[in-house]
Amino acid sequence: MEWLQIIVLSLVQGLTEFLPISSSAHLILPSLLTDWPDQGLAFDVGVHFGTLVAVVAYFRTDLLQMATAVATYPAHRIYKPDIDMVFKLALATLPVVVAGLLGKDAIETHLRSVPVIATTTIVFGIALWLADRKPGKQTLVSWGQAAFIGGMQVLALVPGTSRSGITITAALMVGLSRTGAARFSFLLAIPTILGAQLLLSIDLARNAAQQQWLDLVAGAVLSGLAAYTCIHFFIALVERTGMTPYVIYRLLLGTALLAFYLL
């Protein structure tokens, strides 16, 4: 790949992985607008690894508290809220793991098309707007809310839906504040992206080939820096901006994709 392609795809992946605007809708644009070669599975693994490192780094304090609470429980028998959060994240991750394993081939075969991505970009953008009209005030997630958000995350397997978009939508629907919804969505991204990374890595191992390691490292670093910056500013500004800017953007993007496909 040329360096321009590496830079553009890395930044697109890093910025769109955590904003509620659909990374798959953006990653299809370069192939429509340019004659760039397919970046390949190895590069996808690299940029996703960068976004995973970014979200882990951002929530390092929360994750350390969770790990400490779980590790010290057998010795001290002190059940802390951080342990609850670990199990709630596990509960919310389970549906997408099962659905992903069962439906991976069907999704890749039948749903990775411009009309599907454009339609889901628009439809779930409207759903985000409706959920954001009356955000709640809760910052902590209950067991029922975690299960509901996890169930809704399955829809993110359909390209164009946006994993962060649908989980934030679900969290707002059940009464979380914008900040609370964003934090839970981003924490939930950690086991979800990690699981996807494992599947991609297995596929990559089955189709081993000579890799351009400099391309992969550059992609991981750029996507990671973009993702970390994105998470920081999104959480800092979300209560003031709400979801309307992202909804408008999704509607414009989805319309543009449909127009490009039809013309």
C-alpha atoms as a PDB file:
ATOM      1  CA  MET A   1       0.000   0.000   0.000  1.00  0.00           C
ATOM      2  CA  GLU A   2       0.982   3.610  -0.509  1.00  0.00           C
ATOM      3  CA  TRP A   3       1.545   5.713   2.590  1.00  0.00           C
ATOM      4  CA  LEU A   4      -1.476   7.867   1.800  1.00  0.00           C
ATOM      5  CA  GLN A   5      -3.704   4.783   1.901  1.00  0.00           C
ATOM      6  CA  ILE A   6      -2.137   3.609   5.182  1.00  0.00           C
ATOM      7  CA  ILE A   7      -2.646   7.012   6.805  1.00  0.00           C
ATOM      8  CA  VAL A   8      -6.228   7.486   5.584  1.00  0.00           C
ATOM      9  CA  LEU A   9      -7.439   3.982   6.506  1.00  0.00           C
ATOM     10  CA  SER A  10      -5.725   4.073   9.905  1.00  0.00           C
ATOM     11  CA  LEU A  11      -7.232   7.440  10.838  1.00  0.00           C
ATOM     12  CA  VAL A  12     -10.670   6.417   9.552  1.00  0.00           C
ATOM     13  CA  GLN A  13     -10.599   3.235  11.640  1.00  0.00           C
ATOM     14  CA  GLY A  14      -9.355   5.044  14.749  1.00  0.00           C
ATOM     15  CA  LEU A  15     -11.881   7.872  14.556  1.00  0.00           C
ATOM     16  CA  THR A  16     -14.941   5.863  13.564  1.00  0.00           C
ATOM     17  CA  GLU A  17     -14.502   2.836  15.850  1.00  0.00           C
ATOM     18  CA  PHE A  18     -15.799   4.768  18.876  1.00  0.00           C
ATOM     19  CA  LEU A  19     -17.890   7.548  17.374  1.00  0.00           C
ATOM     20  CA  PRO A  20     -21.508   6.459  16.736  1.00  0.00           C
ATOM     21  CA  ILE A  21     -21.149   6.869  12.968  1.00  0.00           C
ATOM     22  CA  SER A  22     -20.233   3.353  11.705  1.00  0.00           C
ATOM     23  CA  SER A  23     -16.683   2.392  10.833  1.00  0.00           C
ATOM     24  CA  SER A  24     -17.828  -0.019   8.095  1.00  0.00           C
ATOM     25  CA  ALA A  25     -19.693   2.792   6.305  1.00  0.00           C
ATOM     26  CA  HIS A  26     -16.484   4.810   6.209  1.00  0.00           C
ATOM     27  CA  LEU A  27     -14.126   1.998   5.311  1.00  0.00           C
ATOM     28  CA  ILE A  28     -16.178   1.245   2.202  1.00  0.00           C
ATOM     29  CA  LEU A  29     -15.755   4.800   0.903  1.00  0.00           C
ATOM     30  CA  PRO A  30     -12.082   4.548  -0.126  1.00  0.00           C
ATOM     31  CA  SER A  31     -12.833   1.479  -2.257  1.00  0.00           C
ATOM     32  CA  LEU A  32     -15.663   3.380  -3.956  1.00  0.00           C
ATOM     33  CA  LEU A  33     -13.764   6.604  -4.542  1.00  0.00           C
ATOM     34  CA  THR A  34     -10.252   5.355  -5.325  1.00  0.00           C
ATOM     35  CA  ASP A  35      -8.446   2.548  -7.100  1.00  0.00           C
ATOM     36  CA  TRP A  36      -6.526   1.558  -3.968  1.00  0.00           C
ATOM     37  CA  PRO A  37      -5.897  -2.176  -3.556  1.00  0.00           C
ATOM     38  CA  ASP A  38      -7.648  -4.062  -0.774  1.00  0.00           C
ATOM     39  CA  GLN A  39      -5.696  -3.457   2.417  1.00  0.00           C
ATOM     40  CA  GLY A  40      -5.861  -7.120   3.414  1.00  0.00           C
ATOM     41  CA  LEU A  41      -6.734  -8.978   6.588  1.00  0.00           C
ATOM     42  CA  ALA A  42      -3.364  -8.377   8.253  1.00  0.00           C
ATOM     43  CA  PHE A  43      -3.805  -4.606   8.065  1.00  0.00           C
ATOM     44  CA  ASP A  44      -7.321  -4.916   9.524  1.00  0.00           C
ATOM     45  CA  VAL A  45      -5.845  -6.844  12.457  1.00  0.00           C
ATOM     46  CA  GLY A  46      -3.214  -4.158  12.924  1.00  0.00           C
ATOM     47  CA  VAL A  47      -5.552  -1.168  13.023  1.00  0.00           C
ATOM     48  CA  HIS A  48      -8.038  -2.963  15.283  1.00  0.00           C
ATOM     49  CA  PHE A  49      -5.180  -3.772  17.633  1.00  0.00           C
ATOM     50  CA  GLY A  50      -4.376  -0.069  17.731  1.00  0.00           C
ATOM     51  CA  THR A  51      -7.935   0.844  18.722  1.00  0.00           C
ATOM     52  CA  LEU A  52      -7.945  -1.895  21.370  1.00  0.00           C
ATOM     53  CA  VAL A  53      -4.751  -0.537  22.932  1.00  0.00           C
ATOM     54  CA  ALA A  54      -6.257   2.967  22.868  1.00  0.00           C
ATOM     55  CA  VAL A  55      -9.410   2.088  24.799  1.00  0.00           C
ATOM     56  CA  VAL A  56      -7.459  -0.021  27.297  1.00  0.00           C
ATOM     57  CA  ALA A  57      -5.042   2.865  27.846  1.00  0.00           C
ATOM     58  CA  TYR A  58      -7.859   5.372  28.329  1.00  0.00           C
ATOM     59  CA  PHE A  59      -9.712   3.241  30.880  1.00  0.00           C
ATOM     60  CA  ARG A  60      -6.540   1.864  32.493  1.00  0.00           C
ATOM     61  CA  THR A  61      -7.548   3.076  35.969  1.00  0.00           C
ATOM     62  CA  ASP A  62     -11.006   1.467  35.771  1.00  0.00           C
ATOM     63  CA  LEU A  63      -9.556  -1.750  34.404  1.00  0.00           C
ATOM     64  CA  LEU A  64      -6.869  -1.895  37.094  1.00  0.00           C
ATOM     65  CA  GLN A  65      -9.512  -1.455  39.799  1.00  0.00           C
ATOM     66  CA  MET A  66     -11.601  -4.252  38.287  1.00  0.00           C
ATOM     67  CA  ALA A  67      -8.623  -6.579  37.999  1.00  0.00           C
ATOM     68  CA  THR A  68      -7.546  -5.829  41.583  1.00  0.00           C
ATOM     69  CA  ALA A  69     -11.046  -6.410  42.949  1.00  0.00           C
ATOM     70  CA  VAL A  70     -11.314  -9.770  41.178  1.00  0.00           C
ATOM     71  CA  ALA A  71      -7.788 -10.862  42.128  1.00  0.00           C
ATOM     72  CA  THR A  72      -8.142  -9.996  45.830  1.00  0.00           C
ATOM     73  CA  TYR A  73     -11.632 -11.409  46.312  1.00  0.00           C
ATOM     74  CA  PRO A  74     -10.566 -15.028  47.040  1.00  0.00           C
ATOM     75  CA  ALA A  75      -8.269 -13.874  49.841  1.00  0.00           C
ATOM     76  CA  HIS A  76     -10.382 -11.128  51.438  1.00  0.00           C
ATOM     77  CA  ARG A  77     -13.949 -12.074  50.430  1.00  0.00           C
ATOM     78  CA  ILE A  78     -14.810  -8.421  49.807  1.00  0.00           C
ATOM     79  CA  TYR A  79     -17.316  -8.109  46.979  1.00  0.00           C
ATOM     80  CA  LYS A  80     -16.788  -4.690  45.399  1.00  0.00           C
ATOM     81  CA  PRO A  81     -18.861  -2.931  42.716  1.00  0.00           C
ATOM     82  CA  ASP A  82     -15.914  -3.353  40.347  1.00  0.00           C
ATOM     83  CA  ILE A  83     -16.502  -7.110  40.387  1.00  0.00           C
ATOM     84  CA  ASP A  84     -20.111  -6.460  39.423  1.00  0.00           C
ATOM     85  CA  MET A  85     -18.919  -4.432  36.451  1.00  0.00           C
ATOM     86  CA  VAL A  86     -16.680  -7.271  35.251  1.00  0.00           C
ATOM     87  CA  PHE A  87     -19.605  -9.696  35.213  1.00  0.00           C
ATOM     88  CA  LYS A  88     -21.969  -7.140  33.661  1.00  0.00           C
ATOM     89  CA  LEU A  89     -19.505  -6.596  30.827  1.00  0.00           C
ATOM     90  CA  ALA A  90     -19.205 -10.358  30.397  1.00  0.00           C
ATOM     91  CA  LEU A  91     -23.004 -10.688  30.314  1.00  0.00           C
ATOM     92  CA  ALA A  92     -23.306  -7.900  27.738  1.00  0.00           C
ATOM     93  CA  THR A  93     -20.571  -9.434  25.567  1.00  0.00           C
ATOM     94  CA  LEU A  94     -22.009 -12.960  25.438  1.00  0.00           C
ATOM     95  CA  PRO A  95     -24.832 -12.350  22.894  1.00  0.00           C
ATOM     96  CA  VAL A  96     -22.549 -10.836  20.239  1.00  0.00           C
ATOM     97  CA  VAL A  97     -19.992 -13.618  20.710  1.00  0.00           C
ATOM     98  CA  VAL A  98     -22.620 -16.315  20.122  1.00  0.00           C
ATOM     99  CA  ALA A  99     -24.256 -14.469  17.234  1.00  0.00           C
ATOM    100  CA  GLY A 100     -20.895 -13.664  15.672  1.00  0.00           C
ATOM    101  CA  LEU A 101     -19.735 -17.264  15.731  1.00  0.00           C
ATOM    102  CA  LEU A 102     -23.015 -18.548  14.313  1.00  0.00           C
ATOM    103  CA  GLY A 103     -23.603 -15.855  11.704  1.00  0.00           C
ATOM    104  CA  LYS A 104     -20.127 -14.746  10.637  1.00  0.00           C
ATOM    105  CA  ASP A 105     -20.158 -16.441   7.235  1.00  0.00           C
ATOM    106  CA  ALA A 106     -23.701 -15.363   6.388  1.00  0.00           C
ATOM    107  CA  ILE A 107     -22.988 -11.753   7.311  1.00  0.00           C
ATOM    108  CA  GLU A 108     -19.802 -11.601   5.240  1.00  0.00           C
ATOM    109  CA  THR A 109     -21.534 -13.227   2.271  1.00  0.00           C
ATOM    110  CA  HIS A 110     -24.860 -11.387   2.151  1.00  0.00           C
ATOM    111  CA  LEU A 111     -24.701  -8.129   4.154  1.00  0.00           C
ATOM    112  CA  ARG A 112     -21.453  -6.406   3.145  1.00  0.00           C
ATOM    113  CA  SER A 113     -22.989  -4.308   0.391  1.00  0.00           C
ATOM    114  CA  VAL A 114     -23.422  -0.587  -0.197  1.00  0.00           C
ATOM    115  CA  PRO A 115     -27.261  -0.630  -0.017  1.00  0.00           C
ATOM    116  CA  VAL A 116     -27.228  -2.487   3.325  1.00  0.00           C
ATOM    117  CA  ILE A 117     -24.553  -0.231   4.829  1.00  0.00           C
ATOM    118  CA  ALA A 118     -26.278   2.945   3.595  1.00  0.00           C
ATOM    119  CA  THR A 119     -29.684   1.832   4.895  1.00  0.00           C
ATOM    120  CA  THR A 120     -28.461   0.808   8.347  1.00  0.00           C
ATOM    121  CA  THR A 121     -26.428   4.016   8.612  1.00  0.00           C
ATOM    122  CA  ILE A 122     -29.634   6.008   8.142  1.00  0.00           C
ATOM    123  CA  VAL A 123     -32.045   3.813  10.117  1.00  0.00           C
ATOM    124  CA  PHE A 124     -29.880   3.434  13.208  1.00  0.00           C
ATOM    125  CA  GLY A 125     -28.934   7.099  13.023  1.00  0.00           C
ATOM    126  CA  ILE A 126     -32.632   7.932  13.428  1.00  0.00           C
ATOM    127  CA  ALA A 127     -32.847   5.419  16.298  1.00  0.00           C
ATOM    128  CA  LEU A 128     -29.942   7.200  18.013  1.00  0.00           C
ATOM    129  CA  TRP A 129     -31.709  10.551  17.643  1.00  0.00           C
ATOM    130  CA  LEU A 130     -34.946   9.190  19.137  1.00  0.00           C
ATOM    131  CA  ALA A 131     -33.097   7.654  22.104  1.00  0.00           C
ATOM    132  CA  ASP A 132     -31.197  10.883  22.730  1.00  0.00           C
ATOM    133  CA  ARG A 133     -34.270  13.099  22.916  1.00  0.00           C
ATOM    134  CA  LYS A 134     -34.731  12.395  26.641  1.00  0.00           C
ATOM    135  CA  PRO A 135     -31.481  11.027  28.091  1.00  0.00           C
ATOM    136  CA  GLY A 136     -31.605   9.648  31.635  1.00  0.00           C
ATOM    137  CA  LYS A 137     -29.459  10.531  34.629  1.00  0.00           C
ATOM    138  CA  GLN A 138     -28.061   7.132  35.610  1.00  0.00           C
ATOM    139  CA  THR A 139     -24.320   6.584  35.408  1.00  0.00           C
ATOM    140  CA  LEU A 140     -24.216   3.027  36.782  1.00  0.00           C
ATOM    141  CA  VAL A 141     -25.564   0.103  34.767  1.00  0.00           C
ATOM    142  CA  SER A 142     -27.916  -2.469  36.290  1.00  0.00           C
ATOM    143  CA  TRP A 143     -27.913  -6.168  35.422  1.00  0.00           C
ATOM    144  CA  GLY A 144     -31.054  -5.804  33.324  1.00  0.00           C
ATOM    145  CA  GLN A 145     -29.664  -2.816  31.476  1.00  0.00           C
ATOM    146  CA  ALA A 146     -26.398  -4.640  30.783  1.00  0.00           C
ATOM    147  CA  ALA A 147     -28.324  -7.602  29.349  1.00  0.00           C
ATOM    148  CA  PHE A 148     -30.442  -5.320  27.144  1.00  0.00           C
ATOM    149  CA  ILE A 149     -27.447  -3.371  25.840  1.00  0.00           C
ATOM    150  CA  GLY A 150     -25.633  -6.641  25.141  1.00  0.00           C
ATOM    151  CA  GLY A 151     -28.608  -7.997  23.229  1.00  0.00           C
ATOM    152  CA  MET A 152     -28.835  -4.858  21.135  1.00  0.00           C
ATOM    153  CA  GLN A 153     -25.104  -5.031  20.398  1.00  0.00           C
ATOM    154  CA  VAL A 154     -25.835  -8.077  18.219  1.00  0.00           C
ATOM    155  CA  LEU A 155     -27.283  -5.656  15.652  1.00  0.00           C
ATOM    156  CA  ALA A 156     -23.789  -4.203  15.257  1.00  0.00           C
ATOM    157  CA  LEU A 157     -22.863  -7.345  13.313  1.00  0.00           C
ATOM    158  CA  VAL A 158     -24.862  -5.871  10.436  1.00  0.00           C
ATOM    159  CA  PRO A 159     -22.471  -3.512   8.601  1.00  0.00           C
ATOM    160  CA  GLY A 160     -23.390   0.157   8.908  1.00  0.00           C
ATOM    161  CA  THR A 161     -25.112  -0.181  12.275  1.00  0.00           C
ATOM    162  CA  SER A 162     -22.098   0.984  14.348  1.00  0.00           C
ATOM    163  CA  ARG A 163     -21.169  -0.926  17.495  1.00  0.00           C
ATOM    164  CA  SER A 164     -20.770   2.204  19.582  1.00  0.00           C
ATOM    165  CA  GLY A 165     -23.877   3.718  17.990  1.00  0.00           C
ATOM    166  CA  ILE A 166     -26.216   0.842  18.844  1.00  0.00           C
ATOM    167  CA  THR A 167     -24.856   0.316  22.363  1.00  0.00           C
ATOM    168  CA  ILE A 168     -25.118   4.036  23.169  1.00  0.00           C
ATOM    169  CA  THR A 169     -28.638   4.031  21.704  1.00  0.00           C
ATOM    170  CA  ALA A 170     -29.623   1.067  23.866  1.00  0.00           C
ATOM    171  CA  ALA A 171     -28.058   2.603  26.976  1.00  0.00           C
ATOM    172  CA  LEU A 172     -29.930   5.871  26.439  1.00  0.00           C
ATOM    173  CA  MET A 173     -33.165   3.951  25.888  1.00  0.00           C
ATOM    174  CA  VAL A 174     -32.951   2.327  29.331  1.00  0.00           C
ATOM    175  CA  GLY A 175     -32.212   5.525  31.238  1.00  0.00           C
ATOM    176  CA  LEU A 176     -28.456   6.080  31.273  1.00  0.00           C
ATOM    177  CA  SER A 177     -27.022   9.561  30.929  1.00  0.00           C
ATOM    178  CA  ARG A 178     -25.048  10.395  27.823  1.00  0.00           C
ATOM    179  CA  THR A 179     -21.778  10.111  29.714  1.00  0.00           C
ATOM    180  CA  GLY A 180     -22.844   6.875  31.405  1.00  0.00           C
ATOM    181  CA  ALA A 181     -23.931   5.430  28.059  1.00  0.00           C
ATOM    182  CA  ALA A 182     -20.650   6.371  26.388  1.00  0.00           C
ATOM    183  CA  ARG A 183     -18.491   4.970  29.197  1.00  0.00           C
ATOM    184  CA  PHE A 184     -20.295   1.620  29.265  1.00  0.00           C
ATOM    185  CA  SER A 185     -20.225   1.412  25.470  1.00  0.00           C
ATOM    186  CA  PHE A 186     -16.478   2.025  25.379  1.00  0.00           C
ATOM    187  CA  LEU A 187     -15.740  -0.414  28.208  1.00  0.00           C
ATOM    188  CA  LEU A 188     -17.875  -2.986  26.402  1.00  0.00           C
ATOM    189  CA  ALA A 189     -15.734  -2.407  23.316  1.00  0.00           C
ATOM    190  CA  ILE A 190     -12.736  -3.994  25.044  1.00  0.00           C
ATOM    191  CA  PRO A 191     -13.961  -7.615  25.219  1.00  0.00           C
ATOM    192  CA  THR A 192     -15.864  -7.193  21.942  1.00  0.00           C
ATOM    193  CA  ILE A 193     -12.870  -5.942  19.947  1.00  0.00           C
ATOM    194  CA  LEU A 194     -10.645  -8.510  21.660  1.00  0.00           C
ATOM    195  CA  GLY A 195     -12.959 -11.314  20.546  1.00  0.00           C
ATOM    196  CA  ALA A 196     -13.050  -9.955  17.000  1.00  0.00           C
ATOM    197  CA  GLN A 197      -9.260  -9.722  17.052  1.00  0.00           C
ATOM    198  CA  LEU A 198      -8.999 -13.390  17.970  1.00  0.00           C
ATOM    199  CA  LEU A 199     -11.264 -14.395  15.087  1.00  0.00           C
ATOM    200  CA  LEU A 200      -9.356 -12.198  12.634  1.00  0.00           C
ATOM    201  CA  SER A 201      -6.054 -13.589  13.878  1.00  0.00           C
ATOM    202  CA  ILE A 202      -7.272 -17.162  13.382  1.00  0.00           C
ATOM    203  CA  ASP A 203      -8.326 -16.325   9.822  1.00  0.00           C
ATOM    204  CA  LEU A 204      -4.975 -14.630   9.263  1.00  0.00           C
ATOM    205  CA  ALA A 205      -3.065 -17.664  10.524  1.00  0.00           C
ATOM    206  CA  ARG A 206      -4.973 -19.874   8.110  1.00  0.00           C
ATOM    207  CA  ASN A 207      -4.010 -17.604   5.242  1.00  0.00           C
ATOM    208  CA  ALA A 208      -0.469 -16.767   6.257  1.00  0.00           C
ATOM    209  CA  ALA A 209       1.445 -14.659   3.802  1.00  0.00           C
ATOM    210  CA  GLN A 210       4.413 -12.310   3.642  1.00  0.00           C
ATOM    211  CA  GLN A 211       3.478  -9.180   5.594  1.00  0.00           C
ATOM    212  CA  GLN A 212       4.730  -5.624   5.350  1.00  0.00           C
ATOM    213  CA  TRP A 213       5.371  -5.165   9.056  1.00  0.00           C
ATOM    214  CA  LEU A 214       6.137  -1.463   8.779  1.00  0.00           C
ATOM    215  CA  ASP A 215       2.666  -0.942   7.283  1.00  0.00           C
ATOM    216  CA  LEU A 216       1.048  -2.881  10.134  1.00  0.00           C
ATOM    217  CA  VAL A 217       2.925  -1.036  12.871  1.00  0.00           C
ATOM    218  CA  ALA A 218       2.215   2.349  11.294  1.00  0.00           C
ATOM    219  CA  GLY A 219      -1.473   1.460  10.960  1.00  0.00           C
ATOM    220  CA  ALA A 220      -1.708   0.309  14.580  1.00  0.00           C
ATOM    221  CA  VAL A 221       0.012   3.434  15.935  1.00  0.00           C
ATOM    222  CA  LEU A 222      -2.022   5.887  13.853  1.00  0.00           C
ATOM    223  CA  SER A 223      -5.361   4.200  14.553  1.00  0.00           C
ATOM    224  CA  GLY A 224      -4.529   3.978  18.254  1.00  0.00           C
ATOM    225  CA  LEU A 225      -3.655   7.675  18.554  1.00  0.00           C
ATOM    226  CA  ALA A 226      -6.777   8.667  16.632  1.00  0.00           C
ATOM    227  CA  ALA A 227      -8.983   6.400  18.763  1.00  0.00           C
ATOM    228  CA  TYR A 228      -7.559   7.664  22.078  1.00  0.00           C
ATOM    229  CA  THR A 229      -8.115  11.283  21.022  1.00  0.00           C
ATOM    230  CA  CYS A 230     -11.623  10.453  19.850  1.00  0.00           C
ATOM    231  CA  ILE A 231     -12.608   8.761  23.126  1.00  0.00           C
ATOM    232  CA  HIS A 232     -11.212  11.637  25.197  1.00  0.00           C
ATOM    233  CA  PHE A 233     -13.080  14.398  23.397  1.00  0.00           C
ATOM    234  CA  PHE A 234     -16.292  12.420  22.910  1.00  0.00           C
ATOM    235  CA  ILE A 235     -16.690  11.749  26.645  1.00  0.00           C
ATOM    236  CA  ALA A 236     -15.646  15.306  27.527  1.00  0.00           C
ATOM    237  CA  LEU A 237     -18.155  16.922  25.161  1.00  0.00           C
ATOM    238  CA  VAL A 238     -21.045  14.459  24.865  1.00  0.00           C
ATOM    239  CA  GLU A 239     -23.270  16.046  27.529  1.00  0.00           C
ATOM    240  CA  ARG A 240     -23.035  19.410  25.750  1.00  0.00           C
ATOM    241  CA  THR A 241     -23.227  18.276  22.141  1.00  0.00           C
ATOM    242  CA  GLY A 242     -25.636  15.379  22.489  1.00  0.00           C
ATOM    243  CA  MET A 243     -26.012  12.952  19.594  1.00  0.00           C
ATOM    244  CA  THR A 244     -27.610  15.284  17.037  1.00  0.00           C
ATOM    245  CA  PRO A 245     -24.353  16.144  15.176  1.00  0.00           C
ATOM    246  CA  TYR A 246     -23.623  12.441  14.699  1.00  0.00           C
ATOM    247  CA  VAL A 247     -27.206  11.744  13.609  1.00  0.00           C
ATOM    248  CA  ILE A 248     -27.067  14.482  10.972  1.00  0.00           C
ATOM    249  CA  TYR A 249     -23.721  13.177   9.764  1.00  0.00           C
ATOM    250  CA  ARG A 250     -25.080   9.624   9.520  1.00  0.00           C
ATOM    251  CA  LEU A 251     -28.091  10.764   7.505  1.00  0.00           C
ATOM    252  CA  LEU A 252     -25.877  12.685   5.081  1.00  0.00           C
ATOM    253  CA  LEU A 253     -23.401   9.797   4.773  1.00  0.00           C
ATOM    254  CA  GLY A 254     -26.103   7.181   4.232  1.00  0.00           C
ATOM    255  CA  THR A 255     -27.823   9.335   1.622  1.00  0.00           C
ATOM    256  CA  ALA A 256     -24.521   9.927  -0.182  1.00  0.00           C
ATOM    257  CA  LEU A 257     -23.770   6.194  -0.250  1.00  0.00           C
ATOM    258  CA  LEU A 258     -27.223   5.402  -1.649  1.00  0.00           C
ATOM    259  CA  ALA A 259     -26.881   8.111  -4.291  1.00  0.00           C
ATOM    260  CA  PHE A 260     -23.425   6.864  -5.266  1.00  0.00           C
ATOM    261  CA  TYR A 261     -24.739   3.293  -5.580  1.00  0.00           C
ATOM    262  CA  LEU A 262     -27.839   4.223  -7.569  1.00  0.00           C
ATOM    263  CA  LEU A 263     -26.020   6.566  -9.930  1.00  0.00           C
END
